[in-house]
Amino acid sequence: MAMLKKQLESYKKRLLDKKKSVAEAYNKNKNYGRLTEDEGTQDLADKASSAYTKEFLYSLSNTDREVLQKVDEALHRIAKGAYGTCVECEEEIEKKRLEAVPWASHCVTCQEKVEKGLL
């Protein structure tokens, strides 16, 4: 069953909003990283805490990059008319799944196989 245009526009808006929020969070984290580099008068405990915070922010940005990539891929699928269809088995992705994760590219069954390393 083809997705209604109104539904598709709703998902597209959510994807674009997610892309914007991830980009804003990334820029905020990048600026925070610069601020912590400028703090030259820290004791050892502060430096350790700052290093941990930086490491956390850098790992977060890897996750952000991954989400941004998946969002872009979902927007591309919308443009091609393939959104809402599993990229693996080509079955329709459940509406509940798309509501929870609008950038989902796999149905639940195929996603479980991906997580187990079977796809």
N, C-alpha and C. Protein backbone atom coordinates (compact mmCIF):
# COMPACT_ATOMS: atom_id res chain seq x y z
N MET A 1 0.85 -1.18 0.00
CA MET A 1 0.00 0.00 0.00
C MET A 1 0.89 1.25 0.00
N ALA A 2 0.67 2.11 -0.93
CA ALA A 2 1.46 3.33 -1.03
C ALA A 2 1.10 4.28 0.11
N MET A 3 2.11 4.99 0.57
CA MET A 3 1.90 5.92 1.67
C MET A 3 1.20 7.18 1.15
N LEU A 4 0.28 7.68 1.94
CA LEU A 4 -0.43 8.90 1.57
C LEU A 4 0.53 10.08 1.55
N LYS A 5 0.28 11.01 0.63
CA LYS A 5 1.16 12.17 0.47
C LYS A 5 1.27 12.96 1.78
N LYS A 6 0.14 13.09 2.48
CA LYS A 6 0.13 13.83 3.75
C LYS A 6 1.05 13.15 4.78
N GLN A 7 0.97 11.81 4.86
CA GLN A 7 1.83 11.06 5.77
C GLN A 7 3.30 11.25 5.39
N LEU A 8 3.57 11.16 4.10
CA LEU A 8 4.93 11.30 3.61
C LEU A 8 5.50 12.67 3.97
N GLU A 9 4.71 13.71 3.80
CA GLU A 9 5.14 15.07 4.15
C GLU A 9 5.42 15.18 5.65
N SER A 10 4.59 14.51 6.45
CA SER A 10 4.79 14.51 7.90
C SER A 10 6.13 13.87 8.27
N TYR A 11 6.43 12.72 7.66
CA TYR A 11 7.72 12.05 7.92
C TYR A 11 8.88 12.92 7.42
N LYS A 12 8.71 13.54 6.26
CA LYS A 12 9.77 14.39 5.71
C LYS A 12 10.06 15.55 6.66
N LYS A 13 9.01 16.16 7.20
CA LYS A 13 9.19 17.27 8.14
C LYS A 13 9.93 16.78 9.39
N ARG A 14 9.54 15.61 9.92
CA ARG A 14 10.20 15.06 11.11
C ARG A 14 11.67 14.77 10.82
N LEU A 15 11.96 14.25 9.63
CA LEU A 15 13.35 13.96 9.27
C LEU A 15 14.16 15.24 9.17
N LEU A 16 13.60 16.26 8.55
CA LEU A 16 14.30 17.54 8.43
C LEU A 16 14.51 18.18 9.80
N ASP A 17 13.50 18.06 10.69
CA ASP A 17 13.64 18.58 12.05
C ASP A 17 14.76 17.85 12.80
N LYS A 18 14.82 16.53 12.62
CA LYS A 18 15.86 15.73 13.28
C LYS A 18 17.23 16.14 12.76
N LYS A 19 17.32 16.32 11.45
CA LYS A 19 18.59 16.74 10.84
C LYS A 19 19.04 18.07 11.43
N LYS A 20 18.11 19.01 11.57
CA LYS A 20 18.42 20.33 12.13
C LYS A 20 18.86 20.21 13.59
N SER A 21 18.15 19.40 14.39
CA SER A 21 18.49 19.29 15.81
C SER A 21 19.84 18.61 16.01
N VAL A 22 20.15 17.60 15.18
CA VAL A 22 21.45 16.93 15.29
C VAL A 22 22.57 17.90 14.91
N ALA A 23 22.34 18.68 13.86
CA ALA A 23 23.35 19.66 13.44
C ALA A 23 23.57 20.70 14.52
N GLU A 24 22.50 21.15 15.15
CA GLU A 24 22.62 22.14 16.24
C GLU A 24 23.37 21.54 17.43
N ALA A 25 23.05 20.29 17.78
CA ALA A 25 23.73 19.63 18.90
C ALA A 25 25.22 19.45 18.58
N TYR A 26 25.51 19.10 17.34
CA TYR A 26 26.90 18.92 16.91
C TYR A 26 27.68 20.23 17.05
N ASN A 27 27.09 21.33 16.57
CA ASN A 27 27.76 22.63 16.67
C ASN A 27 27.95 23.06 18.12
N LYS A 28 26.94 22.79 18.96
CA LYS A 28 27.04 23.11 20.38
C LYS A 28 28.18 22.33 21.03
N ASN A 29 28.27 21.03 20.71
CA ASN A 29 29.33 20.18 21.26
C ASN A 29 30.70 20.64 20.78
N LYS A 30 30.78 21.03 19.51
CA LYS A 30 32.04 21.49 18.95
C LYS A 30 32.50 22.76 19.67
N ASN A 31 31.57 23.67 19.90
CA ASN A 31 31.89 24.91 20.61
C ASN A 31 32.28 24.63 22.05
N TYR A 32 31.60 23.67 22.71
CA TYR A 32 31.94 23.30 24.09
C TYR A 32 33.36 22.75 24.14
N GLY A 33 33.71 21.94 23.14
CA GLY A 33 35.06 21.37 23.08
C GLY A 33 36.12 22.45 23.00
N ARG A 34 35.84 23.49 22.23
CA ARG A 34 36.79 24.61 22.13
C ARG A 34 36.91 25.34 23.46
N LEU A 35 35.79 25.52 24.14
CA LEU A 35 35.82 26.23 25.43
C LEU A 35 36.66 25.47 26.44
N THR A 36 36.52 24.14 26.49
CA THR A 36 37.27 23.36 27.48
C THR A 36 38.76 23.36 27.17
N GLU A 37 39.13 23.53 25.89
CA GLU A 37 40.55 23.59 25.54
C GLU A 37 41.20 24.86 26.07
N ASP A 38 40.42 25.91 26.21
CA ASP A 38 40.95 27.20 26.65
C ASP A 38 41.14 27.30 28.16
N GLU A 39 40.68 26.32 28.89
CA GLU A 39 40.77 26.38 30.36
C GLU A 39 42.14 25.89 30.81
N GLY A 40 43.09 26.81 30.88
CA GLY A 40 44.47 26.43 31.17
C GLY A 40 44.78 26.25 32.64
N THR A 41 43.98 26.76 33.54
CA THR A 41 44.30 26.70 34.97
C THR A 41 43.45 25.65 35.68
N GLN A 42 43.52 24.42 35.20
CA GLN A 42 42.74 23.34 35.81
C GLN A 42 43.65 22.45 36.64
N ASP A 43 43.10 21.95 37.76
CA ASP A 43 43.87 20.97 38.50
C ASP A 43 43.70 19.60 37.83
N LEU A 44 44.39 18.59 38.33
CA LEU A 44 44.40 17.27 37.71
C LEU A 44 43.00 16.66 37.60
N ALA A 45 42.19 16.80 38.64
CA ALA A 45 40.83 16.22 38.62
C ALA A 45 39.97 16.93 37.57
N ASP A 46 40.11 18.25 37.48
CA ASP A 46 39.35 19.01 36.46
C ASP A 46 39.76 18.59 35.06
N LYS A 47 41.08 18.39 34.86
CA LYS A 47 41.57 17.98 33.55
C LYS A 47 41.03 16.59 33.19
N ALA A 48 40.98 15.69 34.17
CA ALA A 48 40.46 14.35 33.92
C ALA A 48 38.97 14.42 33.56
N SER A 49 38.25 15.22 34.31
CA SER A 49 36.82 15.39 34.05
C SER A 49 36.60 16.01 32.67
N SER A 50 37.41 17.00 32.34
CA SER A 50 37.31 17.66 31.05
C SER A 50 37.63 16.68 29.92
N ALA A 51 38.66 15.84 30.10
CA ALA A 51 39.03 14.85 29.09
C ALA A 51 37.90 13.85 28.89
N TYR A 52 37.29 13.41 29.98
CA TYR A 52 36.17 12.48 29.89
C TYR A 52 35.01 13.12 29.12
N THR A 53 34.71 14.38 29.46
CA THR A 53 33.62 15.10 28.79
C THR A 53 33.90 15.23 27.30
N LYS A 54 35.13 15.59 26.94
CA LYS A 54 35.49 15.71 25.52
C LYS A 54 35.33 14.37 24.81
N GLU A 55 35.81 13.30 25.45
CA GLU A 55 35.71 11.97 24.85
C GLU A 55 34.24 11.60 24.63
N PHE A 56 33.41 11.89 25.61
CA PHE A 56 31.97 11.63 25.50
C PHE A 56 31.37 12.41 24.34
N LEU A 57 31.74 13.69 24.22
CA LEU A 57 31.20 14.53 23.15
C LEU A 57 31.65 14.04 21.78
N TYR A 58 32.92 13.62 21.67
CA TYR A 58 33.39 13.11 20.38
C TYR A 58 32.67 11.82 20.00
N SER A 59 32.43 10.93 20.98
CA SER A 59 31.71 9.70 20.67
C SER A 59 30.27 10.02 20.29
N LEU A 60 29.70 11.02 20.96
CA LEU A 60 28.34 11.45 20.63
C LEU A 60 28.28 11.95 19.21
N SER A 61 29.31 12.68 18.79
CA SER A 61 29.28 13.22 17.44
C SER A 61 29.38 12.10 16.40
N ASN A 62 30.03 10.98 16.73
CA ASN A 62 30.04 9.82 15.82
C ASN A 62 28.62 9.30 15.65
N THR A 63 27.89 9.21 16.76
CA THR A 63 26.50 8.77 16.71
C THR A 63 25.68 9.77 15.91
N ASP A 64 25.92 11.05 16.16
CA ASP A 64 25.21 12.09 15.42
C ASP A 64 25.46 11.97 13.93
N ARG A 65 26.71 11.72 13.56
CA ARG A 65 27.04 11.57 12.14
C ARG A 65 26.28 10.40 11.54
N GLU A 66 26.22 9.30 12.29
CA GLU A 66 25.51 8.11 11.81
C GLU A 66 24.01 8.41 11.62
N VAL A 67 23.42 9.10 12.60
CA VAL A 67 22.00 9.46 12.50
C VAL A 67 21.78 10.39 11.31
N LEU A 68 22.66 11.39 11.15
CA LEU A 68 22.53 12.31 10.01
C LEU A 68 22.57 11.55 8.68
N GLN A 69 23.46 10.58 8.59
CA GLN A 69 23.57 9.80 7.36
C GLN A 69 22.27 9.03 7.11
N LYS A 70 21.72 8.42 8.17
CA LYS A 70 20.48 7.65 8.02
C LYS A 70 19.31 8.56 7.66
N VAL A 71 19.28 9.77 8.23
CA VAL A 71 18.24 10.74 7.92
C VAL A 71 18.34 11.14 6.45
N ASP A 72 19.57 11.42 5.99
CA ASP A 72 19.77 11.78 4.58
C ASP A 72 19.34 10.65 3.64
N GLU A 73 19.65 9.41 4.03
CA GLU A 73 19.25 8.27 3.21
C GLU A 73 17.72 8.16 3.16
N ALA A 74 17.06 8.41 4.30
CA ALA A 74 15.59 8.36 4.34
C ALA A 74 15.00 9.46 3.46
N LEU A 75 15.58 10.66 3.50
CA LEU A 75 15.11 11.75 2.64
C LEU A 75 15.30 11.39 1.17
N HIS A 76 16.39 10.71 0.86
CA HIS A 76 16.64 10.26 -0.52
C HIS A 76 15.59 9.22 -0.94
N ARG A 77 15.24 8.31 -0.01
CA ARG A 77 14.21 7.31 -0.33
C ARG A 77 12.86 7.98 -0.56
N ILE A 78 12.58 9.06 0.19
CA ILE A 78 11.33 9.81 -0.03
C ILE A 78 11.34 10.38 -1.45
N ALA A 79 12.47 10.98 -1.84
CA ALA A 79 12.58 11.58 -3.18
C ALA A 79 12.42 10.53 -4.28
N LYS A 80 12.90 9.31 -4.03
CA LYS A 80 12.81 8.24 -5.03
C LYS A 80 11.46 7.52 -5.00
N GLY A 81 10.66 7.82 -3.95
CA GLY A 81 9.37 7.13 -3.82
C GLY A 81 9.49 5.75 -3.19
N ALA A 82 10.59 5.51 -2.49
CA ALA A 82 10.83 4.20 -1.88
C ALA A 82 10.74 4.23 -0.36
N TYR A 83 10.33 5.36 0.21
CA TYR A 83 10.28 5.50 1.67
C TYR A 83 9.21 4.58 2.25
N GLY A 84 9.52 3.98 3.39
CA GLY A 84 8.56 3.12 4.07
C GLY A 84 8.62 1.66 3.63
N THR A 85 9.59 1.37 2.76
CA THR A 85 9.79 0.01 2.28
C THR A 85 11.16 -0.45 2.75
N CYS A 86 11.23 -1.67 3.26
CA CYS A 86 12.51 -2.23 3.74
C CYS A 86 13.50 -2.33 2.58
N VAL A 87 14.73 -1.84 2.79
CA VAL A 87 15.74 -1.88 1.74
C VAL A 87 16.23 -3.30 1.48
N GLU A 88 15.96 -4.21 2.39
CA GLU A 88 16.43 -5.58 2.25
C GLU A 88 15.37 -6.48 1.60
N CYS A 89 14.23 -6.63 2.26
CA CYS A 89 13.20 -7.56 1.77
C CYS A 89 12.11 -6.88 0.95
N GLU A 90 12.14 -5.55 0.92
CA GLU A 90 11.18 -4.73 0.16
C GLU A 90 9.75 -4.84 0.66
N GLU A 91 9.57 -5.33 1.90
CA GLU A 91 8.25 -5.33 2.52
C GLU A 91 8.00 -3.96 3.13
N GLU A 92 6.76 -3.63 3.36
CA GLU A 92 6.41 -2.36 3.97
C GLU A 92 6.88 -2.34 5.43
N ILE A 93 7.49 -1.22 5.85
CA ILE A 93 7.92 -1.05 7.24
C ILE A 93 6.69 -0.62 8.03
N GLU A 94 6.50 -1.24 9.20
CA GLU A 94 5.32 -0.94 10.02
C GLU A 94 5.27 0.54 10.38
N LYS A 95 4.06 1.08 10.38
CA LYS A 95 3.86 2.50 10.69
C LYS A 95 4.39 2.84 12.09
N LYS A 96 4.17 1.93 13.06
CA LYS A 96 4.66 2.17 14.43
C LYS A 96 6.18 2.35 14.44
N ARG A 97 6.86 1.55 13.64
CA ARG A 97 8.33 1.63 13.58
C ARG A 97 8.75 2.97 12.98
N LEU A 98 8.09 3.40 11.91
CA LEU A 98 8.42 4.68 11.29
C LEU A 98 8.09 5.84 12.21
N GLU A 99 7.04 5.69 13.02
CA GLU A 99 6.70 6.75 13.98
C GLU A 99 7.82 6.88 15.01
N ALA A 100 8.36 5.75 15.45
CA ALA A 100 9.42 5.75 16.46
C ALA A 100 10.77 6.16 15.87
N VAL A 101 11.07 5.64 14.68
CA VAL A 101 12.36 5.88 14.04
C VAL A 101 12.10 6.21 12.56
N PRO A 102 11.80 7.48 12.27
CA PRO A 102 11.43 7.83 10.89
C PRO A 102 12.53 7.57 9.86
N TRP A 103 13.78 7.40 10.30
CA TRP A 103 14.87 7.12 9.37
C TRP A 103 15.15 5.63 9.23
N ALA A 104 14.26 4.79 9.78
CA ALA A 104 14.44 3.33 9.68
C ALA A 104 14.48 2.91 8.21
N SER A 105 15.44 2.05 7.89
CA SER A 105 15.56 1.57 6.52
C SER A 105 15.21 0.09 6.40
N HIS A 106 15.03 -0.56 7.54
CA HIS A 106 14.71 -1.99 7.55
C HIS A 106 13.43 -2.25 8.36
N CYS A 107 12.70 -3.28 7.97
CA CYS A 107 11.57 -3.74 8.79
C CYS A 107 12.15 -4.36 10.06
N VAL A 108 11.32 -4.63 11.04
CA VAL A 108 11.80 -5.16 12.32
C VAL A 108 12.57 -6.47 12.13
N THR A 109 12.03 -7.38 11.32
CA THR A 109 12.67 -8.68 11.10
C THR A 109 14.07 -8.52 10.51
N CYS A 110 14.20 -7.69 9.47
CA CYS A 110 15.52 -7.48 8.85
C CYS A 110 16.45 -6.72 9.78
N GLN A 111 15.92 -5.76 10.56
CA GLN A 111 16.75 -5.01 11.50
C GLN A 111 17.34 -5.95 12.55
N GLU A 112 16.56 -6.91 13.01
CA GLU A 112 17.08 -7.89 13.98
C GLU A 112 18.22 -8.70 13.36
N LYS A 113 18.07 -9.05 12.09
CA LYS A 113 19.15 -9.79 11.39
C LYS A 113 20.40 -8.91 11.26
N VAL A 114 20.23 -7.62 10.97
CA VAL A 114 21.36 -6.69 10.87
C VAL A 114 22.10 -6.64 12.21
N GLU A 115 21.34 -6.53 13.31
CA GLU A 115 21.95 -6.43 14.64
C GLU A 115 22.68 -7.72 15.04
N LYS A 116 22.25 -8.85 14.49
CA LYS A 116 22.91 -10.13 14.78
C LYS A 116 24.06 -10.38 13.81
N GLY A 117 24.25 -9.47 12.86
CA GLY A 117 25.33 -9.63 11.88
C GLY A 117 24.98 -10.59 10.77
N LEU A 118 23.73 -10.88 10.58
CA LEU A 118 23.31 -11.83 9.55
C LEU A 118 23.04 -11.17 8.20
N LEU A 119 22.96 -9.85 8.18
CA LEU A 119 22.76 -9.10 6.92
C LEU A 119 23.91 -8.12 6.72
